[in-house]
Amino acid sequence: MAVPPYQAFIEPVLRFLGSRESGVAAAEAHDAAAHALALTDEDRATNLSSGGRVYKNRAGWAFDRLKRAGFAVATPYGEWQITAEGRAFAAAY
C-alpha cells in the first residue's frame, strides 16, 4: 500500500487532536494518523527526496489545512492543538 495523499490524513489528525485536552507533540499526531490509516512499517519508512518521511510530511500538510480552517493551532511550544471550532466540527461530523 502506498502512503495516501494528505487529504486522507485530515480526519485522523483532527480526531486525534480532539481526543486530547491539551496540545500534543507533532510526532504523536503523525504516529496516531499513521496508525489510524493502517500504514505498514514499509509505508512509514518511505522517504521524500529531501530525506524526510512521507507520512510525516502529509500529516503536516493535513495539520496546515486544519489550521487554515480554524480547527487547530500550533502552540508556542511547538505542539498541535484543536480549537473549539475544531471540536465542534469533529462532534458534528
Protein backbone atom coordinates (compact mmCIF):
# COMPACT_ATOMS: atom_id res chain seq x y z
CA MET A 1 0.00 0.00 0.00
CA ALA A 2 1.27 3.45 -0.83
CA VAL A 3 1.07 6.34 1.63
CA PRO A 4 -2.25 8.09 0.90
CA PRO A 5 -2.43 11.79 -0.05
CA TYR A 6 -2.52 14.42 2.68
CA GLN A 7 -6.31 14.75 2.41
CA ALA A 8 -6.65 11.27 3.92
CA PHE A 9 -4.70 12.44 6.97
CA ILE A 10 -7.03 15.35 7.80
CA GLU A 11 -9.69 13.36 9.66
CA PRO A 12 -7.30 11.14 11.65
CA VAL A 13 -5.26 14.17 12.74
CA LEU A 14 -8.40 16.09 13.73
CA ARG A 15 -9.83 13.11 15.64
CA PHE A 16 -6.54 12.53 17.47
CA LEU A 17 -6.26 16.18 18.48
CA GLY A 18 -9.89 16.08 19.60
CA SER A 19 -9.14 13.17 21.89
CA ARG A 20 -6.61 15.24 23.85
CA GLU A 21 -7.35 18.01 26.33
CA SER A 22 -4.12 19.89 25.66
CA GLY A 23 -1.63 20.17 22.83
CA VAL A 24 0.42 17.21 21.65
CA ALA A 25 3.81 16.89 20.02
CA ALA A 26 3.59 16.73 16.25
CA ALA A 27 5.34 13.34 16.32
CA GLU A 28 2.46 11.91 18.38
CA ALA A 29 -0.08 13.18 15.85
CA HIS A 30 1.98 11.79 12.94
CA ASP A 31 2.09 8.35 14.53
CA ALA A 32 -1.60 8.39 15.52
CA ALA A 33 -2.63 9.27 11.96
CA ALA A 34 -0.36 6.56 10.53
CA HIS A 35 -1.92 4.05 12.92
CA ALA A 36 -5.48 5.17 12.06
CA LEU A 37 -4.68 4.79 8.36
CA ALA A 38 -3.13 1.35 8.98
CA LEU A 39 0.18 2.29 7.40
CA THR A 40 2.68 -0.54 7.37
CA ASP A 41 6.27 -0.22 8.61
CA GLU A 42 7.28 -0.12 4.95
CA ASP A 43 4.87 2.78 4.31
CA ARG A 44 6.23 4.64 7.33
CA ALA A 45 9.80 4.14 6.10
CA THR A 46 9.11 5.76 2.70
CA ASN A 47 11.24 8.89 2.34
CA LEU A 48 10.83 12.09 0.39
CA SER A 49 13.65 13.01 -1.96
CA SER A 50 14.69 15.55 0.71
CA GLY A 51 15.07 12.74 3.23
CA GLY A 52 12.02 13.28 5.47
CA ARG A 53 9.31 10.67 5.94
CA VAL A 54 6.39 10.90 3.51
CA TYR A 55 3.72 10.14 6.12
CA LYS A 56 5.01 12.86 8.45
CA ASN A 57 5.03 15.37 5.60
CA ARG A 58 1.45 14.50 4.68
CA ALA A 59 0.27 14.70 8.27
CA GLY A 60 1.92 18.12 8.43
CA TRP A 61 0.05 19.29 5.35
CA ALA A 62 -3.19 17.98 6.86
CA PHE A 63 -2.49 19.97 10.02
CA ASP A 64 -1.80 23.06 7.90
CA ARG A 65 -5.24 22.71 6.31
CA LEU A 66 -6.84 22.29 9.74
CA LYS A 67 -5.10 25.48 10.90
CA ARG A 68 -6.27 27.39 7.83
CA ALA A 69 -9.85 26.26 8.53
CA GLY A 70 -9.56 27.48 12.13
CA PHE A 71 -9.85 23.94 13.54
CA ALA A 72 -6.34 23.69 15.02
CA VAL A 73 -3.44 25.82 16.20
CA ALA A 74 0.23 25.36 16.88
CA THR A 75 1.12 26.34 20.43
CA PRO A 76 4.22 28.40 21.26
CA TYR A 77 5.80 25.15 22.45
CA GLY A 78 5.55 23.53 19.00
CA GLU A 79 2.57 21.39 19.92
CA TRP A 80 -0.56 20.86 17.84
CA GLN A 81 -3.90 21.61 19.49
CA ILE A 82 -7.54 21.51 18.43
CA THR A 83 -9.64 24.68 18.71
CA ALA A 84 -13.21 24.97 19.99
CA GLU A 85 -14.34 25.22 16.36
CA GLY A 86 -12.44 22.06 15.54
CA ARG A 87 -14.02 20.22 18.44
CA ALA A 88 -17.50 21.34 17.35
CA PHE A 89 -16.81 20.27 13.76
CA ALA A 90 -15.48 16.87 14.81
CA ALA A 91 -18.50 16.30 17.06
CA ALA A 92 -20.94 17.31 14.31
CA TYR A 93 -19.38 15.09 11.66
